[in-house]
Amino acid sequence: MPNPYGHGYPPTGHAPGYPHGQFPWGPGYPPPPAQPAAPTGGGHLTNPRFLKGALVGALAAYLLTNETVQHNAIKAAVRAWSMVQGGVEEMKERFRDAEAELHTAQAPDDED
């Protein structure tokens, strides 16, 4: 009768001296599956990534629920946008002035 578990495995389906379903590690046998490391008690509270995430989450919750902070943030954003628009308008004016100076410098003299 052929071995129903394949070549290299005992006909009973498990190796003698090992619990059912576990096989020794070695030639002809698959290596045992890697077991994840057991968590140590409270170690995640000192993890820098956890602390950063908790801090960002607390800050976001505060900003999203505090009306005074929201009002001041909106005012600051409007002021910043106004400054950007003013800067763009100032740059446009400087380009127009420089363009006018170039046209004036390139124009032929008609004083004869």
C-alpha atoms as a PDB file:
ATOM      1  CA  MET A   1       0.000   0.000   0.000  1.00  0.00           C
ATOM      2  CA  PRO A   2       1.475   3.399  -0.956  1.00  0.00           C
ATOM      3  CA  ASN A   3       2.086   6.085   1.679  1.00  0.00           C
ATOM      4  CA  PRO A   4      -0.936   8.479   1.596  1.00  0.00           C
ATOM      5  CA  TYR A   5       1.120  11.331   3.074  1.00  0.00           C
ATOM      6  CA  GLY A   6       3.803  11.411   0.405  1.00  0.00           C
ATOM      7  CA  HIS A   7       7.473  10.506   0.227  1.00  0.00           C
ATOM      8  CA  GLY A   8       9.464  11.390   3.360  1.00  0.00           C
ATOM      9  CA  TYR A   9       6.511  11.338   5.763  1.00  0.00           C
ATOM     10  CA  PRO A  10       5.647   8.420   8.025  1.00  0.00           C
ATOM     11  CA  PRO A  11       2.511   6.490   7.005  1.00  0.00           C
ATOM     12  CA  THR A  12       0.725   7.586  10.188  1.00  0.00           C
ATOM     13  CA  GLY A  13       0.753  11.249   9.120  1.00  0.00           C
ATOM     14  CA  HIS A  14       2.897  12.446  12.022  1.00  0.00           C
ATOM     15  CA  ALA A  15       6.416  11.775  13.101  1.00  0.00           C
ATOM     16  CA  PRO A  16       6.935   9.466  16.075  1.00  0.00           C
ATOM     17  CA  GLY A  17       7.517  11.413  19.285  1.00  0.00           C
ATOM     18  CA  TYR A  18       5.975  14.631  17.944  1.00  0.00           C
ATOM     19  CA  PRO A  19       2.443  15.958  18.468  1.00  0.00           C
ATOM     20  CA  HIS A  20       0.004  15.310  15.655  1.00  0.00           C
ATOM     21  CA  GLY A  21       0.638  17.606  12.693  1.00  0.00           C
ATOM     22  CA  GLN A  22       4.148  18.698  13.707  1.00  0.00           C
ATOM     23  CA  PHE A  23       7.198  17.257  12.016  1.00  0.00           C
ATOM     24  CA  PRO A  24      10.885  17.531  12.831  1.00  0.00           C
ATOM     25  CA  TRP A  25      12.912  20.068  10.957  1.00  0.00           C
ATOM     26  CA  GLY A  26      15.452  18.559   8.628  1.00  0.00           C
ATOM     27  CA  PRO A  27      15.972  17.096   5.174  1.00  0.00           C
ATOM     28  CA  GLY A  28      12.700  16.066   3.626  1.00  0.00           C
ATOM     29  CA  TYR A  29      10.589  18.030   6.102  1.00  0.00           C
ATOM     30  CA  PRO A  30       9.341  21.612   5.846  1.00  0.00           C
ATOM     31  CA  PRO A  31      10.719  24.060   8.428  1.00  0.00           C
ATOM     32  CA  PRO A  32       8.364  24.972  11.248  1.00  0.00           C
ATOM     33  CA  PRO A  33       6.339  28.140  10.719  1.00  0.00           C
ATOM     34  CA  ALA A  34       7.768  31.274  12.303  1.00  0.00           C
ATOM     35  CA  GLN A  35       5.943  32.325  15.433  1.00  0.00           C
ATOM     36  CA  PRO A  36       5.374  36.050  16.013  1.00  0.00           C
ATOM     37  CA  ALA A  37       7.131  37.512  19.010  1.00  0.00           C
ATOM     38  CA  ALA A  38       4.942  37.692  22.078  1.00  0.00           C
ATOM     39  CA  PRO A  39       4.160  41.303  23.005  1.00  0.00           C
ATOM     40  CA  THR A  40       5.694  42.538  26.190  1.00  0.00           C
ATOM     41  CA  GLY A  41       3.326  44.214  28.587  1.00  0.00           C
ATOM     42  CA  GLY A  42       2.966  47.972  27.950  1.00  0.00           C
ATOM     43  CA  GLY A  43       5.761  48.166  25.370  1.00  0.00           C
ATOM     44  CA  HIS A  44       3.545  49.833  22.784  1.00  0.00           C
ATOM     45  CA  LEU A  45       3.039  52.861  25.053  1.00  0.00           C
ATOM     46  CA  THR A  46       6.730  53.766  24.784  1.00  0.00           C
ATOM     47  CA  ASN A  47       6.959  53.172  21.030  1.00  0.00           C
ATOM     48  CA  PRO A  48       7.864  56.526  19.371  1.00  0.00           C
ATOM     49  CA  ARG A  49       5.504  55.853  16.438  1.00  0.00           C
ATOM     50  CA  PHE A  50       2.623  55.237  18.846  1.00  0.00           C
ATOM     51  CA  LEU A  51       3.424  58.423  20.769  1.00  0.00           C
ATOM     52  CA  LYS A  52       3.603  60.516  17.576  1.00  0.00           C
ATOM     53  CA  GLY A  53       0.319  59.067  16.341  1.00  0.00           C
ATOM     54  CA  ALA A  54      -1.382  59.738  19.669  1.00  0.00           C
ATOM     55  CA  LEU A  55      -0.094  63.318  19.694  1.00  0.00           C
ATOM     56  CA  VAL A  56      -1.231  63.986  16.110  1.00  0.00           C
ATOM     57  CA  GLY A  57      -4.624  62.441  16.841  1.00  0.00           C
ATOM     58  CA  ALA A  58      -5.100  64.531  19.985  1.00  0.00           C
ATOM     59  CA  LEU A  59      -4.091  67.710  18.133  1.00  0.00           C
ATOM     60  CA  ALA A  60      -6.463  66.940  15.258  1.00  0.00           C
ATOM     61  CA  ALA A  61      -9.329  66.254  17.670  1.00  0.00           C
ATOM     62  CA  TYR A  62      -8.649  69.540  19.468  1.00  0.00           C
ATOM     63  CA  LEU A  63      -8.504  71.541  16.236  1.00  0.00           C
ATOM     64  CA  LEU A  64     -11.644  69.953  14.803  1.00  0.00           C
ATOM     65  CA  THR A  65     -13.759  70.492  17.927  1.00  0.00           C
ATOM     66  CA  ASN A  66     -12.645  73.899  19.246  1.00  0.00           C
ATOM     67  CA  GLU A  67     -14.571  76.736  17.551  1.00  0.00           C
ATOM     68  CA  THR A  68     -12.149  79.459  18.675  1.00  0.00           C
ATOM     69  CA  VAL A  69      -9.203  77.591  17.190  1.00  0.00           C
ATOM     70  CA  GLN A  70     -11.143  77.000  13.965  1.00  0.00           C
ATOM     71  CA  HIS A  71     -12.075  80.706  13.722  1.00  0.00           C
ATOM     72  CA  ASN A  72      -8.470  81.833  14.301  1.00  0.00           C
ATOM     73  CA  ALA A  73      -7.134  79.263  11.824  1.00  0.00           C
ATOM     74  CA  ILE A  74      -9.551  80.473   9.141  1.00  0.00           C
ATOM     75  CA  LYS A  75      -8.585  84.105   9.790  1.00  0.00           C
ATOM     76  CA  ALA A  76      -4.892  83.224   9.540  1.00  0.00           C
ATOM     77  CA  ALA A  77      -5.483  81.336   6.289  1.00  0.00           C
ATOM     78  CA  VAL A  78      -7.389  84.318   4.813  1.00  0.00           C
ATOM     79  CA  ARG A  79      -4.575  86.689   5.841  1.00  0.00           C
ATOM     80  CA  ALA A  80      -1.950  84.400   4.312  1.00  0.00           C
ATOM     81  CA  TRP A  81      -3.954  84.096   1.087  1.00  0.00           C
ATOM     82  CA  SER A  82      -4.310  87.888   0.908  1.00  0.00           C
ATOM     83  CA  MET A  83      -0.565  88.291   1.343  1.00  0.00           C
ATOM     84  CA  VAL A  84       0.076  85.784  -1.459  1.00  0.00           C
ATOM     85  CA  GLN A  85      -2.327  87.604  -3.757  1.00  0.00           C
ATOM     86  CA  GLY A  86      -0.741  90.966  -2.883  1.00  0.00           C
ATOM     87  CA  GLY A  87       2.706  89.545  -3.599  1.00  0.00           C
ATOM     88  CA  VAL A  88       1.547  88.259  -6.978  1.00  0.00           C
ATOM     89  CA  GLU A  89       0.085  91.668  -7.850  1.00  0.00           C
ATOM     90  CA  GLU A  90       3.338  93.361  -6.779  1.00  0.00           C
ATOM     91  CA  MET A  91       5.351  91.005  -9.008  1.00  0.00           C
ATOM     92  CA  LYS A  92       3.034  91.730 -11.947  1.00  0.00           C
ATOM     93  CA  GLU A  93       3.550  95.463 -11.431  1.00  0.00           C
ATOM     94  CA  ARG A  94       7.340  95.044 -11.333  1.00  0.00           C
ATOM     95  CA  PHE A  95       7.260  93.015 -14.566  1.00  0.00           C
ATOM     96  CA  ARG A  96       5.154  95.711 -16.247  1.00  0.00           C
ATOM     97  CA  ASP A  97       7.598  98.412 -15.072  1.00  0.00           C
ATOM     98  CA  ALA A  98      10.590  96.420 -16.321  1.00  0.00           C
ATOM     99  CA  GLU A  99       8.829  95.810 -19.654  1.00  0.00           C
ATOM    100  CA  ALA A 100       8.103  99.523 -20.029  1.00  0.00           C
ATOM    101  CA  GLU A 101      11.754 100.394 -19.308  1.00  0.00           C
ATOM    102  CA  LEU A 102      12.906  97.909 -21.950  1.00  0.00           C
ATOM    103  CA  HIS A 103      10.527  99.383 -24.547  1.00  0.00           C
ATOM    104  CA  THR A 104      11.737 102.885 -23.670  1.00  0.00           C
ATOM    105  CA  ALA A 105      15.406 101.874 -23.929  1.00  0.00           C
ATOM    106  CA  GLN A 106      14.865 100.140 -27.303  1.00  0.00           C
ATOM    107  CA  ALA A 107      12.866 102.960 -28.870  1.00  0.00           C
ATOM    108  CA  PRO A 108      14.841 105.030 -31.477  1.00  0.00           C
ATOM    109  CA  ASP A 109      15.683 108.588 -30.478  1.00  0.00           C
ATOM    110  CA  ASP A 110      13.478 111.083 -32.384  1.00  0.00           C
ATOM    111  CA  GLU A 111      15.253 114.197 -31.067  1.00  0.00           C
ATOM    112  CA  ASP A 112      17.013 115.189 -34.387  1.00  0.00           C
END
